[in-house]
Amino acid sequence: MNWVIFPKYAEETTKTTWVVKMLKALGVAQLLGWIAFGWLIGGPYISRVLVAGHIMSQDAAQMSGPLIGLAIGVFSGLWASLAAFALAQVIDDIHATRLQTGAYIAFQSDSVKLGR
């Protein structure tokens, strides 16, 4: 006979809590806000800077300014929302570890087939 020990709440470790869902939603909202800011506010400003610096003509700057603003908004949004996504991951991992190590079940058996 062999002793088999496994975590009691192993299935519940895959479930996320409301705090993790809220932090992920906050990160997504922050990312979308930065993208909108880059597209709507940064685009026209970048167009004026490109024309004032004699880098592009007026028509070319009006076409590429919003796209450059969108790219800057995406990168800055990802950088700014990194803290929310990282905190959500840390909280989720700590919660799963706490549930995993909270209680164990042990039984004696000859042939054990867990997970079915």
C-alpha atoms as a PDB file:
ATOM      1  CA  MET A   1       0.000   0.000   0.000  1.00  0.00           C
ATOM      2  CA  ASN A   2       1.177   3.478  -0.903  1.00  0.00           C
ATOM      3  CA  TRP A   3       0.244   6.756   0.735  1.00  0.00           C
ATOM      4  CA  VAL A   4      -1.081   9.381  -1.644  1.00  0.00           C
ATOM      5  CA  ILE A   5      -1.117  13.017  -0.573  1.00  0.00           C
ATOM      6  CA  PHE A   6      -2.691  15.755  -2.680  1.00  0.00           C
ATOM      7  CA  PRO A   7      -4.081  19.268  -2.094  1.00  0.00           C
ATOM      8  CA  LYS A   8      -7.694  19.465  -1.002  1.00  0.00           C
ATOM      9  CA  TYR A   9      -8.547  22.680  -2.884  1.00  0.00           C
ATOM     10  CA  ALA A  10      -6.555  22.080  -6.076  1.00  0.00           C
ATOM     11  CA  GLU A  11      -9.527  22.837  -8.347  1.00  0.00           C
ATOM     12  CA  GLU A  12     -10.218  26.194  -6.721  1.00  0.00           C
ATOM     13  CA  THR A  13      -6.717  27.516  -7.396  1.00  0.00           C
ATOM     14  CA  THR A  14      -7.636  28.142 -11.033  1.00  0.00           C
ATOM     15  CA  LYS A  15     -10.512  30.471 -10.118  1.00  0.00           C
ATOM     16  CA  THR A  16      -9.706  34.189 -10.013  1.00  0.00           C
ATOM     17  CA  THR A  17     -11.036  36.512  -7.344  1.00  0.00           C
ATOM     18  CA  TRP A  18     -12.924  39.750  -7.837  1.00  0.00           C
ATOM     19  CA  VAL A  19      -9.836  41.783  -6.919  1.00  0.00           C
ATOM     20  CA  VAL A  20      -7.844  40.225  -9.758  1.00  0.00           C
ATOM     21  CA  LYS A  21     -10.679  40.801 -12.219  1.00  0.00           C
ATOM     22  CA  MET A  22     -10.998  44.423 -11.077  1.00  0.00           C
ATOM     23  CA  LEU A  23      -7.259  45.057 -11.426  1.00  0.00           C
ATOM     24  CA  LYS A  24      -7.205  43.552 -14.911  1.00  0.00           C
ATOM     25  CA  ALA A  25     -10.212  45.678 -15.906  1.00  0.00           C
ATOM     26  CA  LEU A  26      -8.475  48.741 -14.468  1.00  0.00           C
ATOM     27  CA  GLY A  27      -5.363  47.927 -16.491  1.00  0.00           C
ATOM     28  CA  VAL A  28      -7.374  47.522 -19.690  1.00  0.00           C
ATOM     29  CA  ALA A  29      -9.259  50.775 -19.049  1.00  0.00           C
ATOM     30  CA  GLN A  30      -5.985  52.582 -18.412  1.00  0.00           C
ATOM     31  CA  LEU A  31      -4.499  51.144 -21.598  1.00  0.00           C
ATOM     32  CA  LEU A  32      -7.521  52.211 -23.660  1.00  0.00           C
ATOM     33  CA  GLY A  33      -7.391  55.675 -22.106  1.00  0.00           C
ATOM     34  CA  TRP A  34      -3.737  56.124 -23.081  1.00  0.00           C
ATOM     35  CA  ILE A  35      -4.469  54.884 -26.610  1.00  0.00           C
ATOM     36  CA  ALA A  36      -7.337  57.361 -26.971  1.00  0.00           C
ATOM     37  CA  PHE A  37      -5.180  60.138 -25.530  1.00  0.00           C
ATOM     38  CA  GLY A  38      -2.372  59.374 -27.977  1.00  0.00           C
ATOM     39  CA  TRP A  39      -4.728  59.201 -30.935  1.00  0.00           C
ATOM     40  CA  LEU A  40      -6.921  62.217 -30.190  1.00  0.00           C
ATOM     41  CA  ILE A  41      -4.597  64.615 -28.337  1.00  0.00           C
ATOM     42  CA  GLY A  42      -1.108  63.497 -29.281  1.00  0.00           C
ATOM     43  CA  GLY A  43      -1.820  63.069 -33.003  1.00  0.00           C
ATOM     44  CA  PRO A  44      -2.628  66.708 -33.833  1.00  0.00           C
ATOM     45  CA  TYR A  45       0.163  67.926 -31.555  1.00  0.00           C
ATOM     46  CA  ILE A  46       2.698  65.660 -33.238  1.00  0.00           C
ATOM     47  CA  SER A  47       1.462  66.862 -36.647  1.00  0.00           C
ATOM     48  CA  ARG A  48       2.104  70.474 -35.666  1.00  0.00           C
ATOM     49  CA  VAL A  49       5.556  69.605 -34.309  1.00  0.00           C
ATOM     50  CA  LEU A  50       6.465  67.774 -37.529  1.00  0.00           C
ATOM     51  CA  VAL A  51       5.375  70.731 -39.662  1.00  0.00           C
ATOM     52  CA  ALA A  52       7.023  73.320 -37.400  1.00  0.00           C
ATOM     53  CA  GLY A  53      10.288  71.397 -37.417  1.00  0.00           C
ATOM     54  CA  HIS A  54      10.225  71.228 -41.248  1.00  0.00           C
ATOM     55  CA  ILE A  55      10.346  67.435 -41.056  1.00  0.00           C
ATOM     56  CA  MET A  56       7.198  66.826 -43.137  1.00  0.00           C
ATOM     57  CA  SER A  57       4.807  68.738 -45.270  1.00  0.00           C
ATOM     58  CA  GLN A  58       1.367  69.686 -43.928  1.00  0.00           C
ATOM     59  CA  ASP A  59      -0.450  66.883 -45.777  1.00  0.00           C
ATOM     60  CA  ALA A  60       2.033  64.177 -44.824  1.00  0.00           C
ATOM     61  CA  ALA A  61       2.074  65.316 -41.196  1.00  0.00           C
ATOM     62  CA  GLN A  62      -1.721  65.234 -40.974  1.00  0.00           C
ATOM     63  CA  MET A  63      -1.716  61.661 -42.232  1.00  0.00           C
ATOM     64  CA  SER A  64       1.110  60.319 -40.088  1.00  0.00           C
ATOM     65  CA  GLY A  65       0.629  62.405 -36.918  1.00  0.00           C
ATOM     66  CA  PRO A  66      -2.359  60.446 -35.560  1.00  0.00           C
ATOM     67  CA  LEU A  67      -0.641  57.145 -36.364  1.00  0.00           C
ATOM     68  CA  ILE A  68       2.501  58.202 -34.512  1.00  0.00           C
ATOM     69  CA  GLY A  69       0.300  59.409 -31.638  1.00  0.00           C
ATOM     70  CA  LEU A  70      -1.487  56.043 -31.638  1.00  0.00           C
ATOM     71  CA  ALA A  71       1.815  54.161 -31.482  1.00  0.00           C
ATOM     72  CA  ILE A  72       3.074  56.355 -28.639  1.00  0.00           C
ATOM     73  CA  GLY A  73      -0.272  55.893 -26.844  1.00  0.00           C
ATOM     74  CA  VAL A  74      -0.038  52.100 -27.140  1.00  0.00           C
ATOM     75  CA  PHE A  75       3.509  51.940 -25.782  1.00  0.00           C
ATOM     76  CA  SER A  76       2.916  54.441 -22.990  1.00  0.00           C
ATOM     77  CA  GLY A  77      -0.381  52.740 -22.095  1.00  0.00           C
ATOM     78  CA  LEU A  78       1.301  49.361 -21.837  1.00  0.00           C
ATOM     79  CA  TRP A  79       4.024  50.867 -19.673  1.00  0.00           C
ATOM     80  CA  ALA A  80       1.552  52.697 -17.424  1.00  0.00           C
ATOM     81  CA  SER A  81      -0.792  49.735 -16.961  1.00  0.00           C
ATOM     82  CA  LEU A  82       2.054  47.319 -16.272  1.00  0.00           C
ATOM     83  CA  ALA A  83       1.717  47.895 -12.525  1.00  0.00           C
ATOM     84  CA  ALA A  84      -1.978  46.949 -12.515  1.00  0.00           C
ATOM     85  CA  PHE A  85      -1.383  43.778 -14.532  1.00  0.00           C
ATOM     86  CA  ALA A  86       1.630  42.786 -12.422  1.00  0.00           C
ATOM     87  CA  LEU A  87      -0.260  43.350  -9.166  1.00  0.00           C
ATOM     88  CA  ALA A  88      -3.168  41.260 -10.472  1.00  0.00           C
ATOM     89  CA  GLN A  89      -0.778  38.430 -11.315  1.00  0.00           C
ATOM     90  CA  VAL A  90       0.924  38.605  -7.914  1.00  0.00           C
ATOM     91  CA  ILE A  91      -2.386  38.562  -6.036  1.00  0.00           C
ATOM     92  CA  ASP A  92      -3.640  35.657  -8.149  1.00  0.00           C
ATOM     93  CA  ASP A  93      -0.455  33.658  -7.521  1.00  0.00           C
ATOM     94  CA  ILE A  94      -0.499  34.331  -3.782  1.00  0.00           C
ATOM     95  CA  HIS A  95      -4.157  33.319  -3.588  1.00  0.00           C
ATOM     96  CA  ALA A  96      -3.490  30.092  -5.511  1.00  0.00           C
ATOM     97  CA  THR A  97      -0.484  29.278  -3.322  1.00  0.00           C
ATOM     98  CA  ARG A  98      -2.504  29.876  -0.166  1.00  0.00           C
ATOM     99  CA  LEU A  99      -5.272  27.570  -1.366  1.00  0.00           C
ATOM    100  CA  GLN A 100      -2.807  24.954  -2.614  1.00  0.00           C
ATOM    101  CA  THR A 101      -0.939  24.713   0.680  1.00  0.00           C
ATOM    102  CA  GLY A 102      -3.936  25.205   2.962  1.00  0.00           C
ATOM    103  CA  ALA A 103      -5.080  21.614   3.334  1.00  0.00           C
ATOM    104  CA  TYR A 104      -4.024  18.199   2.129  1.00  0.00           C
ATOM    105  CA  ILE A 105      -5.818  14.893   1.829  1.00  0.00           C
ATOM    106  CA  ALA A 106      -3.944  11.655   2.412  1.00  0.00           C
ATOM    107  CA  PHE A 107      -5.164   8.151   1.767  1.00  0.00           C
ATOM    108  CA  GLN A 108      -3.729   4.729   1.264  1.00  0.00           C
ATOM    109  CA  SER A 109      -4.169   2.877  -2.009  1.00  0.00           C
ATOM    110  CA  ASP A 110      -2.495   0.429  -4.362  1.00  0.00           C
ATOM    111  CA  SER A 111      -3.467   2.002  -7.664  1.00  0.00           C
ATOM    112  CA  VAL A 112      -4.154   5.713  -7.760  1.00  0.00           C
ATOM    113  CA  LYS A 113      -5.376   7.603 -10.809  1.00  0.00           C
ATOM    114  CA  LEU A 114      -5.796  11.253  -9.881  1.00  0.00           C
ATOM    115  CA  GLY A 115      -7.352  13.807 -12.175  1.00  0.00           C
ATOM    116  CA  ARG A 116     -10.151  11.673 -13.558  1.00  0.00           C
END
